[in-house]
Amino acid sequence: LERKPSDANFVYFNAGMPANSLREKMAEEGILIRSKYMDY
């Protein structure tokens, strides 16, 4: 999966699927991540 080189305490990556869909799937298992930003 494509990702950006991070110098922070998070990683920004392209999951190859809508970020909001991935967030919802993760939430179903009790794992919370960020929803999409803007039109990315």
PDB file of all heavy atoms in Angstrom:
ATOM      1  N   LEU A   1       0.836  -1.204   0.000  1.00  0.00           N
ATOM      2  CA  LEU A   1       0.000   0.000   0.000  1.00  0.00           C
ATOM      3  C   LEU A   1       0.869   1.251   0.000  1.00  0.00           C
ATOM      4  O   LEU A   1       1.851   1.349   0.745  1.00  0.00           O
ATOM      5  CB  LEU A   1      -0.919   0.000   1.228  1.00  0.00           C
ATOM      6  CG  LEU A   1      -1.900  -1.170   1.335  1.00  0.00           C
ATOM      7  CD1 LEU A   1      -2.712  -1.059   2.610  1.00  0.00           C
ATOM      8  CD2 LEU A   1      -2.822  -1.214   0.111  1.00  0.00           C
ATOM      9  N   GLU A   2       0.499   2.205  -0.808  1.00  0.00           N
ATOM     10  CA  GLU A   2       1.225   3.469  -0.868  1.00  0.00           C
ATOM     11  C   GLU A   2       1.047   4.228   0.446  1.00  0.00           C
ATOM     12  O   GLU A   2      -0.049   4.291   1.003  1.00  0.00           O
ATOM     13  CB  GLU A   2       0.707   4.316  -2.027  1.00  0.00           C
ATOM     14  CG  GLU A   2       1.442   5.634  -2.206  1.00  0.00           C
ATOM     15  CD  GLU A   2       0.867   6.498  -3.309  1.00  0.00           C
ATOM     16  OE1 GLU A   2      -0.153   6.082  -3.923  1.00  0.00           O
ATOM     17  OE2 GLU A   2       1.409   7.587  -3.552  1.00  0.00           O
ATOM     18  N   ARG A   3       2.135   4.805   0.941  1.00  0.00           N
ATOM     19  CA  ARG A   3       2.083   5.611   2.161  1.00  0.00           C
ATOM     20  C   ARG A   3       3.015   6.802   2.018  1.00  0.00           C
ATOM     21  O   ARG A   3       3.933   6.796   1.177  1.00  0.00           O
ATOM     22  CB  ARG A   3       2.486   4.790   3.384  1.00  0.00           C
ATOM     23  CG  ARG A   3       3.927   4.298   3.352  1.00  0.00           C
ATOM     24  CD  ARG A   3       4.329   3.598   4.633  1.00  0.00           C
ATOM     25  NE  ARG A   3       5.661   3.011   4.552  1.00  0.00           N
ATOM     26  CZ  ARG A   3       6.806   3.659   4.768  1.00  0.00           C
ATOM     27  NH1 ARG A   3       6.787   4.960   5.061  1.00  0.00           N
ATOM     28  NH2 ARG A   3       7.968   3.031   4.678  1.00  0.00           N
ATOM     29  N   LYS A   4       2.785   7.810   2.847  1.00  0.00           N
ATOM     30  CA  LYS A   4       3.648   8.974   2.874  1.00  0.00           C
ATOM     31  C   LYS A   4       4.719   8.811   3.952  1.00  0.00           C
ATOM     32  O   LYS A   4       4.469   8.198   4.995  1.00  0.00           O
ATOM     33  CB  LYS A   4       2.822  10.244   3.115  1.00  0.00           C
ATOM     34  CG  LYS A   4       1.831  10.549   2.001  1.00  0.00           C
ATOM     35  CD  LYS A   4       2.544  10.643   0.661  1.00  0.00           C
ATOM     36  CE  LYS A   4       1.575  10.744  -0.514  1.00  0.00           C
ATOM     37  NZ  LYS A   4       2.285  10.736  -1.801  1.00  0.00           N
ATOM     38  N   PRO A   5       5.913   9.343   3.715  1.00  0.00           N
ATOM     39  CA  PRO A   5       6.977   9.244   4.719  1.00  0.00           C
ATOM     40  C   PRO A   5       6.648  10.127   5.919  1.00  0.00           C
ATOM     41  O   PRO A   5       6.596  11.355   5.804  1.00  0.00           O
ATOM     42  CB  PRO A   5       8.217   9.749   3.979  1.00  0.00           C
ATOM     43  CG  PRO A   5       7.668  10.642   2.890  1.00  0.00           C
ATOM     44  CD  PRO A   5       6.349  10.050   2.503  1.00  0.00           C
ATOM     45  N   SER A   6       6.404   9.523   7.060  1.00  0.00           N
ATOM     46  CA  SER A   6       5.915  10.271   8.218  1.00  0.00           C
ATOM     47  C   SER A   6       7.024  10.598   9.213  1.00  0.00           C
ATOM     48  O   SER A   6       7.848   9.743   9.549  1.00  0.00           O
ATOM     49  CB  SER A   6       4.820   9.481   8.935  1.00  0.00           C
ATOM     50  OG  SER A   6       4.399  10.160  10.099  1.00  0.00           O
ATOM     51  N   ASP A   7       6.999  11.822   9.710  1.00  0.00           N
ATOM     52  CA  ASP A   7       7.852  12.237  10.820  1.00  0.00           C
ATOM     53  C   ASP A   7       7.006  12.530  12.053  1.00  0.00           C
ATOM     54  O   ASP A   7       7.484  13.175  12.998  1.00  0.00           O
ATOM     55  CB  ASP A   7       8.656  13.492  10.441  1.00  0.00           C
ATOM     56  CG  ASP A   7       9.781  13.184   9.468  1.00  0.00           C
ATOM     57  OD1 ASP A   7      10.489  12.180   9.691  1.00  0.00           O
ATOM     58  OD2 ASP A   7       9.940  13.924   8.475  1.00  0.00           O
ATOM     59  N   ALA A   8       5.761  12.075  12.053  1.00  0.00           N
ATOM     60  CA  ALA A   8       4.837  12.376  13.142  1.00  0.00           C
ATOM     61  C   ALA A   8       4.400  11.076  13.835  1.00  0.00           C
ATOM     62  O   ALA A   8       5.001  10.020  13.625  1.00  0.00           O
ATOM     63  CB  ALA A   8       3.639  13.145  12.608  1.00  0.00           C
ATOM     64  N   ASN A   9       3.355  11.144  14.647  1.00  0.00           N
ATOM     65  CA  ASN A   9       2.876   9.945  15.338  1.00  0.00           C
ATOM     66  C   ASN A   9       1.641   9.366  14.646  1.00  0.00           C
ATOM     67  O   ASN A   9       0.695   8.930  15.282  1.00  0.00           O
ATOM     68  CB  ASN A   9       2.594  10.242  16.816  1.00  0.00           C
ATOM     69  CG  ASN A   9       1.457  11.224  17.015  1.00  0.00           C
ATOM     70  OD1 ASN A   9       1.106  11.991  16.104  1.00  0.00           O
ATOM     71  ND2 ASN A   9       0.867  11.219  18.195  1.00  0.00           N
ATOM     72  N   PHE A  10       1.677   9.360  13.336  1.00  0.00           N
ATOM     73  CA  PHE A  10       0.616   8.787  12.509  1.00  0.00           C
ATOM     74  C   PHE A  10       1.187   8.493  11.133  1.00  0.00           C
ATOM     75  O   PHE A  10       2.283   8.962  10.789  1.00  0.00           O
ATOM     76  CB  PHE A  10      -0.578   9.741  12.400  1.00  0.00           C
ATOM     77  CG  PHE A  10      -0.200  11.125  11.931  1.00  0.00           C
ATOM     78  CD1 PHE A  10      -0.097  11.420  10.583  1.00  0.00           C
ATOM     79  CD2 PHE A  10       0.070  12.130  12.849  1.00  0.00           C
ATOM     80  CE1 PHE A  10       0.265  12.693  10.145  1.00  0.00           C
ATOM     81  CE2 PHE A  10       0.435  13.406  12.418  1.00  0.00           C
ATOM     82  CZ  PHE A  10       0.533  13.684  11.072  1.00  0.00           C
ATOM     83  N   VAL A  11       0.445   7.720  10.362  1.00  0.00           N
ATOM     84  CA  VAL A  11       0.848   7.404   8.991  1.00  0.00           C
ATOM     85  C   VAL A  11      -0.352   7.622   8.080  1.00  0.00           C
ATOM     86  O   VAL A  11      -1.478   7.227   8.410  1.00  0.00           O
ATOM     87  CB  VAL A  11       1.350   5.953   8.871  1.00  0.00           C
ATOM     88  CG1 VAL A  11       1.766   5.651   7.429  1.00  0.00           C
ATOM     89  CG2 VAL A  11       2.536   5.704   9.811  1.00  0.00           C
ATOM     90  N   TYR A  12      -0.112   8.225   6.931  1.00  0.00           N
ATOM     91  CA  TYR A  12      -1.137   8.523   5.936  1.00  0.00           C
ATOM     92  C   TYR A  12      -0.918   7.565   4.767  1.00  0.00           C
ATOM     93  O   TYR A  12       0.170   7.530   4.168  1.00  0.00           O
ATOM     94  CB  TYR A  12      -0.990   9.969   5.488  1.00  0.00           C
ATOM     95  CG  TYR A  12      -2.196  10.575   4.807  1.00  0.00           C
ATOM     96  CD1 TYR A  12      -3.470  10.479   5.347  1.00  0.00           C
ATOM     97  CD2 TYR A  12      -2.041  11.304   3.625  1.00  0.00           C
ATOM     98  CE1 TYR A  12      -4.567  11.065   4.733  1.00  0.00           C
ATOM     99  CE2 TYR A  12      -3.122  11.909   3.005  1.00  0.00           C
ATOM    100  CZ  TYR A  12      -4.387  11.780   3.560  1.00  0.00           C
ATOM    101  OH  TYR A  12      -5.469  12.372   2.954  1.00  0.00           O
ATOM    102  N   PHE A  13      -1.934   6.771   4.435  1.00  0.00           N
ATOM    103  CA  PHE A  13      -1.737   5.718   3.445  1.00  0.00           C
ATOM    104  C   PHE A  13      -2.970   5.571   2.552  1.00  0.00           C
ATOM    105  O   PHE A  13      -4.083   5.931   2.924  1.00  0.00           O
ATOM    106  CB  PHE A  13      -1.417   4.389   4.128  1.00  0.00           C
ATOM    107  CG  PHE A  13      -2.562   3.796   4.926  1.00  0.00           C
ATOM    108  CD1 PHE A  13      -3.361   2.802   4.386  1.00  0.00           C
ATOM    109  CD2 PHE A  13      -2.829   4.240   6.215  1.00  0.00           C
ATOM    110  CE1 PHE A  13      -4.409   2.256   5.112  1.00  0.00           C
ATOM    111  CE2 PHE A  13      -3.883   3.697   6.952  1.00  0.00           C
ATOM    112  CZ  PHE A  13      -4.675   2.707   6.397  1.00  0.00           C
ATOM    113  N   ASN A  14      -2.733   4.992   1.379  1.00  0.00           N
ATOM    114  CA  ASN A  14      -3.787   4.730   0.405  1.00  0.00           C
ATOM    115  C   ASN A  14      -4.173   3.258   0.523  1.00  0.00           C
ATOM    116  O   ASN A  14      -3.415   2.372   0.121  1.00  0.00           O
ATOM    117  CB  ASN A  14      -3.295   5.054  -1.002  1.00  0.00           C
ATOM    118  CG  ASN A  14      -4.397   4.949  -2.047  1.00  0.00           C
ATOM    119  OD1 ASN A  14      -5.403   4.268  -1.844  1.00  0.00           O
ATOM    120  ND2 ASN A  14      -4.215   5.630  -3.160  1.00  0.00           N
ATOM    121  N   ALA A  15      -5.350   3.012   1.062  1.00  0.00           N
ATOM    122  CA  ALA A  15      -5.796   1.634   1.288  1.00  0.00           C
ATOM    123  C   ALA A  15      -6.361   0.986   0.038  1.00  0.00           C
ATOM    124  O   ALA A  15      -6.718  -0.199   0.064  1.00  0.00           O
ATOM    125  CB  ALA A  15      -6.843   1.617   2.399  1.00  0.00           C
ATOM    126  N   GLY A  16      -6.492   1.758  -1.064  1.00  0.00           N
ATOM    127  CA  GLY A  16      -7.084   1.196  -2.270  1.00  0.00           C
ATOM    128  C   GLY A  16      -8.582   1.023  -2.157  1.00  0.00           C
ATOM    129  O   GLY A  16      -9.188   0.294  -2.960  1.00  0.00           O
ATOM    130  N   MET A  17      -9.162   1.684  -1.187  1.00  0.00           N
ATOM    131  CA  MET A  17     -10.614   1.641  -0.979  1.00  0.00           C
ATOM    132  C   MET A  17     -10.986   2.944  -0.281  1.00  0.00           C
ATOM    133  O   MET A  17     -10.129   3.638   0.278  1.00  0.00           O
ATOM    134  CB  MET A  17     -11.009   0.452  -0.101  1.00  0.00           C
ATOM    135  CG  MET A  17     -10.415   0.488   1.304  1.00  0.00           C
ATOM    136  SD  MET A  17     -10.804  -0.977   2.303  1.00  0.00           S
ATOM    137  CE  MET A  17     -12.584  -0.806   2.458  1.00  0.00           C
ATOM    138  N   PRO A  18     -12.262   3.342  -0.324  1.00  0.00           N
ATOM    139  CA  PRO A  18     -12.649   4.602   0.323  1.00  0.00           C
ATOM    140  C   PRO A  18     -12.260   4.631   1.802  1.00  0.00           C
ATOM    141  O   PRO A  18     -12.503   3.670   2.540  1.00  0.00           O
ATOM    142  CB  PRO A  18     -14.166   4.634   0.139  1.00  0.00           C
ATOM    143  CG  PRO A  18     -14.409   3.832  -1.089  1.00  0.00           C
ATOM    144  CD  PRO A  18     -13.392   2.722  -1.041  1.00  0.00           C
ATOM    145  N   ALA A  19     -11.645   5.722   2.204  1.00  0.00           N
ATOM    146  CA  ALA A  19     -11.199   5.851   3.587  1.00  0.00           C
ATOM    147  C   ALA A  19     -12.351   5.716   4.568  1.00  0.00           C
ATOM    148  O   ALA A  19     -12.207   5.117   5.640  1.00  0.00           O
ATOM    149  CB  ALA A  19     -10.495   7.194   3.780  1.00  0.00           C
ATOM    150  N   ASN A  20     -13.505   6.258   4.199  1.00  0.00           N
ATOM    151  CA  ASN A  20     -14.660   6.164   5.102  1.00  0.00           C
ATOM    152  C   ASN A  20     -15.166   4.729   5.228  1.00  0.00           C
ATOM    153  O   ASN A  20     -15.638   4.312   6.284  1.00  0.00           O
ATOM    154  CB  ASN A  20     -15.783   7.083   4.627  1.00  0.00           C
ATOM    155  CG  ASN A  20     -15.465   8.546   4.875  1.00  0.00           C
ATOM    156  OD1 ASN A  20     -14.494   8.873   5.553  1.00  0.00           O
ATOM    157  ND2 ASN A  20     -16.274   9.435   4.334  1.00  0.00           N
ATOM    158  N   SER A  21     -15.049   3.955   4.160  1.00  0.00           N
ATOM    159  CA  SER A  21     -15.450   2.547   4.223  1.00  0.00           C
ATOM    160  C   SER A  21     -14.498   1.765   5.118  1.00  0.00           C
ATOM    161  O   SER A  21     -14.924   0.918   5.918  1.00  0.00           O
ATOM    162  CB  SER A  21     -15.471   1.930   2.817  1.00  0.00           C
ATOM    163  OG  SER A  21     -16.443   2.549   2.011  1.00  0.00           O
ATOM    164  N   LEU A  22     -13.199   2.041   4.978  1.00  0.00           N
ATOM    165  CA  LEU A  22     -12.226   1.367   5.835  1.00  0.00           C
ATOM    166  C   LEU A  22     -12.465   1.735   7.291  1.00  0.00           C
ATOM    167  O   LEU A  22     -12.403   0.865   8.179  1.00  0.00           O
ATOM    168  CB  LEU A  22     -10.808   1.749   5.417  1.00  0.00           C
ATOM    169  CG  LEU A  22      -9.683   1.136   6.268  1.00  0.00           C
ATOM    170  CD1 LEU A  22      -9.725  -0.388   6.200  1.00  0.00           C
ATOM    171  CD2 LEU A  22      -8.319   1.670   5.828  1.00  0.00           C
ATOM    172  N   ARG A  23     -12.744   3.000   7.521  1.00  0.00           N
ATOM    173  CA  ARG A  23     -13.031   3.433   8.898  1.00  0.00           C
ATOM    174  C   ARG A  23     -14.226   2.675   9.461  1.00  0.00           C
ATOM    175  O   ARG A  23     -14.203   2.236  10.626  1.00  0.00           O
ATOM    176  CB  ARG A  23     -13.297   4.941   8.924  1.00  0.00           C
ATOM    177  CG  ARG A  23     -13.624   5.506  10.297  1.00  0.00           C
ATOM    178  CD  ARG A  23     -13.840   7.012  10.199  1.00  0.00           C
ATOM    179  NE  ARG A  23     -14.133   7.589  11.497  1.00  0.00           N
ATOM    180  CZ  ARG A  23     -15.340   7.695  12.022  1.00  0.00           C
ATOM    181  NH1 ARG A  23     -16.396   7.225  11.359  1.00  0.00           N
ATOM    182  NH2 ARG A  23     -15.524   8.247  13.200  1.00  0.00           N
ATOM    183  N   GLU A  24     -15.278   2.529   8.680  1.00  0.00           N
ATOM    184  CA  GLU A  24     -16.476   1.826   9.155  1.00  0.00           C
ATOM    185  C   GLU A  24     -16.186   0.359   9.442  1.00  0.00           C
ATOM    186  O   GLU A  24     -16.643  -0.200  10.444  1.00  0.00           O
ATOM    187  CB  GLU A  24     -17.594   1.963   8.117  1.00  0.00           C
ATOM    188  CG  GLU A  24     -18.156   3.380   8.016  1.00  0.00           C
ATOM    189  CD  GLU A  24     -19.092   3.544   6.827  1.00  0.00           C
ATOM    190  OE1 GLU A  24     -19.381   2.523   6.159  1.00  0.00           O
ATOM    191  OE2 GLU A  24     -19.524   4.692   6.566  1.00  0.00           O
ATOM    192  N   LYS A  25     -15.421  -0.282   8.575  1.00  0.00           N
ATOM    193  CA  LYS A  25     -15.083  -1.692   8.795  1.00  0.00           C
ATOM    194  C   LYS A  25     -14.239  -1.855  10.059  1.00  0.00           C
ATOM    195  O   LYS A  25     -14.440  -2.807  10.829  1.00  0.00           O
ATOM    196  CB  LYS A  25     -14.337  -2.252   7.579  1.00  0.00           C
ATOM    197  CG  LYS A  25     -15.209  -2.435   6.348  1.00  0.00           C
ATOM    198  CD  LYS A  25     -14.411  -3.084   5.229  1.00  0.00           C
ATOM    199  CE  LYS A  25     -15.295  -3.358   4.017  1.00  0.00           C
ATOM    200  NZ  LYS A  25     -14.550  -4.064   2.948  1.00  0.00           N
ATOM    201  N   MET A  26     -13.293  -0.966  10.228  1.00  0.00           N
ATOM    202  CA  MET A  26     -12.455  -1.029  11.423  1.00  0.00           C
ATOM    203  C   MET A  26     -13.300  -0.810  12.681  1.00  0.00           C
ATOM    204  O   MET A  26     -13.132  -1.498  13.694  1.00  0.00           O
ATOM    205  CB  MET A  26     -11.348   0.023  11.342  1.00  0.00           C
ATOM    206  CG  MET A  26     -10.214  -0.322  10.387  1.00  0.00           C
ATOM    207  SD  MET A  26      -9.114  -1.567  11.089  1.00  0.00           S
ATOM    208  CE  MET A  26      -7.922  -1.779   9.759  1.00  0.00           C
ATOM    209  N   ALA A  27     -14.214   0.140  12.609  1.00  0.00           N
ATOM    210  CA  ALA A  27     -15.049   0.454  13.773  1.00  0.00           C
ATOM    211  C   ALA A  27     -15.898  -0.744  14.185  1.00  0.00           C
ATOM    212  O   ALA A  27     -16.192  -0.925  15.375  1.00  0.00           O
ATOM    213  CB  ALA A  27     -15.932   1.666  13.483  1.00  0.00           C
ATOM    214  N   GLU A  28     -16.302  -1.572  13.203  1.00  0.00           N
ATOM    215  CA  GLU A  28     -17.086  -2.762  13.528  1.00  0.00           C
ATOM    216  C   GLU A  28     -16.316  -3.733  14.412  1.00  0.00           C
ATOM    217  O   GLU A  28     -16.907  -4.527  15.140  1.00  0.00           O
ATOM    218  CB  GLU A  28     -17.516  -3.461  12.232  1.00  0.00           C
ATOM    219  CG  GLU A  28     -18.590  -2.686  11.457  1.00  0.00           C
ATOM    220  CD  GLU A  28     -18.894  -3.309  10.107  1.00  0.00           C
ATOM    221  OE1 GLU A  28     -18.273  -4.354   9.784  1.00  0.00           O
ATOM    222  OE2 GLU A  28     -19.741  -2.751   9.384  1.00  0.00           O
ATOM    223  N   GLU A  29     -14.990  -3.631  14.368  1.00  0.00           N
ATOM    224  CA  GLU A  29     -14.151  -4.474  15.216  1.00  0.00           C
ATOM    225  C   GLU A  29     -13.566  -3.685  16.388  1.00  0.00           C
ATOM    226  O   GLU A  29     -12.634  -4.150  17.049  1.00  0.00           O
ATOM    227  CB  GLU A  29     -13.039  -5.112  14.388  1.00  0.00           C
ATOM    228  CG  GLU A  29     -13.568  -6.071  13.341  1.00  0.00           C
ATOM    229  CD  GLU A  29     -12.493  -6.972  12.769  1.00  0.00           C
ATOM    230  OE1 GLU A  29     -11.411  -7.063  13.375  1.00  0.00           O
ATOM    231  OE2 GLU A  29     -12.755  -7.600  11.735  1.00  0.00           O
ATOM    232  N   GLY A  30     -14.091  -2.499  16.614  1.00  0.00           N
ATOM    233  CA  GLY A  30     -13.656  -1.697  17.746  1.00  0.00           C
ATOM    234  C   GLY A  30     -12.340  -0.995  17.538  1.00  0.00           C
ATOM    235  O   GLY A  30     -11.682  -0.600  18.508  1.00  0.00           O
ATOM    236  N   ILE A  31     -11.941  -0.800  16.278  1.00  0.00           N
ATOM    237  CA  ILE A  31     -10.688  -0.109  15.959  1.00  0.00           C
ATOM    238  C   ILE A  31     -11.037   1.231  15.325  1.00  0.00           C
ATOM    239  O   ILE A  31     -11.696   1.274  14.277  1.00  0.00           O
ATOM    240  CB  ILE A  31      -9.828  -0.942  14.989  1.00  0.00           C
ATOM    241  CG1 ILE A  31      -9.561  -2.334  15.572  1.00  0.00           C
ATOM    242  CG2 ILE A  31      -8.513  -0.235  14.692  1.00  0.00           C
ATOM    243  CD1 ILE A  31      -8.952  -3.300  14.578  1.00  0.00           C
ATOM    244  N   LEU A  32     -10.610   2.314  15.936  1.00  0.00           N
ATOM    245  CA  LEU A  32     -10.978   3.649  15.481  1.00  0.00           C
ATOM    246  C   LEU A  32      -9.818   4.296  14.733  1.00  0.00           C
ATOM    247  O   LEU A  32      -8.721   4.442  15.274  1.00  0.00           O
ATOM    248  CB  LEU A  32     -11.383   4.527  16.668  1.00  0.00           C
ATOM    249  CG  LEU A  32     -12.454   3.944  17.604  1.00  0.00           C
ATOM    250  CD1 LEU A  32     -12.783   4.940  18.705  1.00  0.00           C
ATOM    251  CD2 LEU A  32     -13.716   3.565  16.824  1.00  0.00           C
ATOM    252  N   ILE A  33     -10.050   4.684  13.474  1.00  0.00           N
ATOM    253  CA  ILE A  33      -9.083   5.451  12.696  1.00  0.00           C
ATOM    254  C   ILE A  33      -9.793   6.667  12.119  1.00  0.00           C
ATOM    255  O   ILE A  33     -11.002   6.822  12.265  1.00  0.00           O
ATOM    256  CB  ILE A  33      -8.433   4.615  11.577  1.00  0.00           C
ATOM    257  CG1 ILE A  33      -9.486   4.184  10.549  1.00  0.00           C
ATOM    258  CG2 ILE A  33      -7.711   3.398  12.166  1.00  0.00           C
ATOM    259  CD1 ILE A  33      -8.876   3.537   9.316  1.00  0.00           C
ATOM    260  N   ARG A  34      -9.065   7.520  11.440  1.00  0.00           N
ATOM    261  CA  ARG A  34      -9.607   8.781  10.943  1.00  0.00           C
ATOM    262  C   ARG A  34     -10.391   8.575   9.651  1.00  0.00           C
ATOM    263  O   ARG A  34     -10.030   7.742   8.812  1.00  0.00           O
ATOM    264  CB  ARG A  34      -8.453   9.765  10.723  1.00  0.00           C
ATOM    265  CG  ARG A  34      -8.848  11.177  10.318  1.00  0.00           C
ATOM    266  CD  ARG A  34      -9.713  11.863  11.342  1.00  0.00           C
ATOM    267  NE  ARG A  34      -9.753  13.306  11.164  1.00  0.00           N
ATOM    268  CZ  ARG A  34     -10.454  13.955  10.231  1.00  0.00           C
ATOM    269  NH1 ARG A  34     -11.153  13.298   9.356  1.00  0.00           N
ATOM    270  NH2 ARG A  34     -10.432  15.261  10.175  1.00  0.00           N
ATOM    271  N   SER A  35     -11.448   9.344   9.484  1.00  0.00           N
ATOM    272  CA  SER A  35     -12.182   9.367   8.225  1.00  0.00           C
ATOM    273  C   SER A  35     -11.391  10.170   7.188  1.00  0.00           C
ATOM    274  O   SER A  35     -10.329  10.723   7.492  1.00  0.00           O
ATOM    275  CB  SER A  35     -13.561   9.991   8.436  1.00  0.00           C
ATOM    276  OG  SER A  35     -13.438  11.291   8.989  1.00  0.00           O
ATOM    277  N   LYS A  36     -11.918  10.258   5.968  1.00  0.00           N
ATOM    278  CA  LYS A  36     -11.164  10.901   4.889  1.00  0.00           C
ATOM    279  C   LYS A  36     -11.022  12.400   5.108  1.00  0.00           C
ATOM    280  O   LYS A  36     -11.811  13.044   5.813  1.00  0.00           O
ATOM    281  CB  LYS A  36     -11.840  10.638   3.548  1.00  0.00           C
ATOM    282  CG  LYS A  36     -13.079  11.491   3.289  1.00  0.00           C
ATOM    283  CD  LYS A  36     -13.487  11.403   1.823  1.00  0.00           C
ATOM    284  CE  LYS A  36     -14.648  12.351   1.516  1.00  0.00           C
ATOM    285  NZ  LYS A  36     -14.988  12.388   0.084  1.00  0.00           N
ATOM    286  N   TYR A  37     -10.005  12.963   4.488  1.00  0.00           N
ATOM    287  CA  TYR A  37      -9.795  14.405   4.463  1.00  0.00           C
ATOM    288  C   TYR A  37     -10.168  14.939   3.079  1.00  0.00           C
ATOM    289  O   TYR A  37      -9.737  14.378   2.058  1.00  0.00           O
ATOM    290  CB  TYR A  37      -8.327  14.751   4.737  1.00  0.00           C
ATOM    291  CG  TYR A  37      -7.918  14.599   6.179  1.00  0.00           C
ATOM    292  CD1 TYR A  37      -7.522  13.370   6.675  1.00  0.00           C
ATOM    293  CD2 TYR A  37      -7.949  15.684   7.044  1.00  0.00           C
ATOM    294  CE1 TYR A  37      -7.145  13.226   7.993  1.00  0.00           C
ATOM    295  CE2 TYR A  37      -7.578  15.553   8.361  1.00  0.00           C
ATOM    296  CZ  TYR A  37      -7.181  14.318   8.834  1.00  0.00           C
ATOM    297  OH  TYR A  37      -6.810  14.179  10.151  1.00  0.00           O
ATOM    298  N   MET A  38     -10.974  15.987   3.063  1.00  0.00           N
ATOM    299  CA  MET A  38     -11.339  16.660   1.819  1.00  0.00           C
ATOM    300  C   MET A  38     -11.773  15.636   0.761  1.00  0.00           C
ATOM    301  O   MET A  38     -12.592  14.771   1.048  1.00  0.00           O
ATOM    302  CB  MET A  38     -10.185  17.555   1.355  1.00  0.00           C
ATOM    303  CG  MET A  38      -9.790  18.621   2.400  1.00  0.00           C
ATOM    304  SD  MET A  38      -8.401  19.658   1.924  1.00  0.00           S
ATOM    305  CE  MET A  38      -9.139  20.661   0.649  1.00  0.00           C
ATOM    306  N   ASP A  39     -11.192  15.727  -0.436  1.00  0.00           N
ATOM    307  CA  ASP A  39     -11.570  14.804  -1.499  1.00  0.00           C
ATOM    308  C   ASP A  39     -10.495  13.752  -1.749  1.00  0.00           C
ATOM    309  O   ASP A  39     -10.442  13.136  -2.806  1.00  0.00           O
ATOM    310  CB  ASP A  39     -11.871  15.562  -2.797  1.00  0.00           C
ATOM    311  CG  ASP A  39     -10.727  16.461  -3.235  1.00  0.00           C
ATOM    312  OD1 ASP A  39      -9.698  16.527  -2.513  1.00  0.00           O
ATOM    313  OD2 ASP A  39     -10.848  17.116  -4.286  1.00  0.00           O
ATOM    314  N   TYR A  40      -9.652  13.530  -0.750  1.00  0.00           N
ATOM    315  CA  TYR A  40      -8.643  12.475  -0.844  1.00  0.00           C
ATOM    316  C   TYR A  40      -9.305  11.164  -0.415  1.00  0.00           C
ATOM    317  O   TYR A  40      -9.052  10.626   0.674  1.00  0.00           O
ATOM    318  CB  TYR A  40      -7.429  12.818   0.014  1.00  0.00           C
ATOM    319  CG  TYR A  40      -6.740  14.090  -0.431  1.00  0.00           C
ATOM    320  CD1 TYR A  40      -7.093  15.330   0.093  1.00  0.00           C
ATOM    321  CD2 TYR A  40      -5.749  14.052  -1.412  1.00  0.00           C
ATOM    322  CE1 TYR A  40      -6.471  16.499  -0.333  1.00  0.00           C
ATOM    323  CE2 TYR A  40      -5.115  15.216  -1.846  1.00  0.00           C
ATOM    324  CZ  TYR A  40      -5.484  16.436  -1.304  1.00  0.00           C
ATOM    325  OH  TYR A  40      -4.870  17.590  -1.726  1.00  0.00           O
TER     326      TYR A  40
END
